[in-house]
Protein backbone atom coordinates (compact mmCIF):
# COMPACT_ATOMS: atom_id res chain seq x y z
CA UNK A 1 -0.30 -0.05 -0.06
CA UNK A 2 2.80 2.35 0.78
CA UNK A 3 4.70 1.57 -2.32
CA UNK A 4 1.19 2.79 -4.52
CA UNK A 5 0.78 5.64 -2.50
CA UNK A 6 4.33 7.35 -3.01
CA UNK A 7 3.92 6.00 -6.69
CA UNK A 8 1.10 7.79 -7.04
CA UNK A 9 2.34 10.97 -5.32
CA UNK A 10 5.56 11.01 -7.65
CA UNK A 11 2.93 10.82 -10.54
CA UNK A 12 0.81 14.04 -9.05
CA UNK A 13 4.16 15.66 -8.43
CA UNK A 14 5.26 15.59 -12.36
CA UNK A 15 1.74 16.51 -13.48
CA UNK A 16 1.47 19.58 -11.61
CA UNK A 17 4.88 21.07 -12.44
CA UNK A 18 3.70 20.50 -16.25
CA UNK A 19 0.68 22.24 -15.91
CA UNK A 20 2.58 25.25 -13.94
CA UNK A 21 4.93 25.38 -16.81
CA UNK A 22 2.09 25.91 -19.09
CA UNK A 23 0.31 28.45 -17.58
CA UNK A 24 3.74 30.48 -17.02
CA UNK A 25 4.71 30.25 -20.76
CA UNK A 26 1.45 31.81 -21.54
CA UNK A 27 1.80 34.61 -18.97
CA UNK A 28 4.82 35.27 -20.26
CA UNK A 29 3.96 35.41 -23.91
CA UNK A 30 1.05 37.28 -23.14
CA UNK A 31 2.83 39.97 -21.34
CA UNK A 32 5.24 40.23 -23.76
CA UNK A 33 2.37 41.01 -26.72
CA UNK A 34 0.84 43.35 -24.69
CA UNK A 35 3.85 45.16 -24.09
CA UNK A 36 4.12 44.82 -19.89
CA UNK A 37 7.58 43.25 -20.30
CA UNK A 38 10.17 43.58 -22.79
CA UNK A 39 11.76 40.96 -25.10
CA UNK A 40 14.57 40.79 -22.90
CA UNK A 41 13.01 40.00 -20.19
CA UNK A 42 10.92 37.19 -21.70
CA UNK A 43 14.38 35.54 -23.12
CA UNK A 44 16.01 36.11 -19.36
CA UNK A 45 13.33 34.44 -18.19
CA UNK A 46 13.44 31.39 -20.45
CA UNK A 47 17.45 31.56 -20.28
CA UNK A 48 16.68 31.27 -16.36
CA UNK A 49 14.72 28.14 -16.48
CA UNK A 50 17.24 26.30 -19.02
CA UNK A 51 20.30 27.30 -16.55
CA UNK A 52 18.32 25.95 -13.63
CA UNK A 53 16.50 23.25 -15.00
CA UNK A 54 12.56 22.71 -15.12
CA UNK A 55 10.10 20.14 -15.99
CA UNK A 56 8.13 19.98 -19.04
CA UNK A 57 6.34 18.49 -21.59
CA UNK A 58 7.84 18.34 -25.00
CA UNK A 59 6.01 21.37 -26.60
CA UNK A 60 6.91 23.20 -23.59
CA UNK A 61 10.63 22.44 -23.80
CA UNK A 62 11.10 23.59 -27.47
CA UNK A 63 8.75 26.83 -26.84
CA UNK A 64 10.90 27.78 -24.13
CA UNK A 65 14.18 26.98 -25.93
CA UNK A 66 13.09 29.06 -28.53
CA UNK A 67 12.05 31.74 -26.46
CA UNK A 68 15.60 31.55 -24.73
CA UNK A 69 17.39 32.51 -27.98
CA UNK A 70 15.20 35.25 -29.44
CA UNK A 71 17.38 37.98 -29.06
CA UNK A 72 19.85 36.61 -31.12
CA UNK A 73 20.95 37.64 -34.56
CA UNK A 74 18.37 35.62 -37.12
CA UNK A 75 16.48 34.38 -34.15
CA UNK A 76 13.73 37.02 -34.29
CA UNK A 77 10.08 36.68 -33.34
CA UNK A 78 7.42 36.86 -35.47
CA UNK A 79 3.81 37.69 -34.46
CA UNK A 80 2.76 34.20 -36.38
CA UNK A 81 5.34 32.63 -34.31
CA UNK A 82 4.43 33.79 -31.34
CA UNK A 83 0.52 33.13 -32.31
CA UNK A 84 1.62 29.31 -33.62
CA UNK A 85 3.44 29.05 -29.91
CA UNK A 86 0.25 29.82 -28.05
CA UNK A 87 -1.85 27.25 -30.26
CA UNK A 88 0.50 24.61 -29.57
CA UNK A 89 -0.33 25.50 -25.89
CA UNK A 90 -3.93 25.57 -26.56
CA UNK A 91 -4.93 28.92 -26.75
CA UNK A 92 -6.46 31.16 -29.64
CA UNK A 93 -5.23 34.53 -30.17
CA UNK A 94 -6.80 37.34 -30.98
CA UNK A 95 -5.98 41.18 -31.89
CA UNK A 96 -8.07 43.69 -30.19
CA UNK A 97 -7.13 47.59 -31.21
CA UNK A 98 -8.15 50.60 -28.65
CA UNK A 99 -7.83 53.83 -29.28
CA UNK A 100 -4.43 55.37 -27.68
């Protein structure tokens, strides 16, 4: 019985960081698109994750690594690429304009 509980707890522990990572990724990309953080801040966030280590799905990992090099020459991010990342994470991007 104890062994079963340990395995179940470990399984749950693996799930939560992945769900949390998805939320963090979406939050970072959204903040960047809304102009709340700079490209450099988003890149630094992704680089810090890579340096510290993280648990994520393959899709999330690919996006994190891509964001981490987004400030490099020839690695600029396009609107279409960011929208594609959000779509792969299960979100639809909608552009809304407001008078300044």
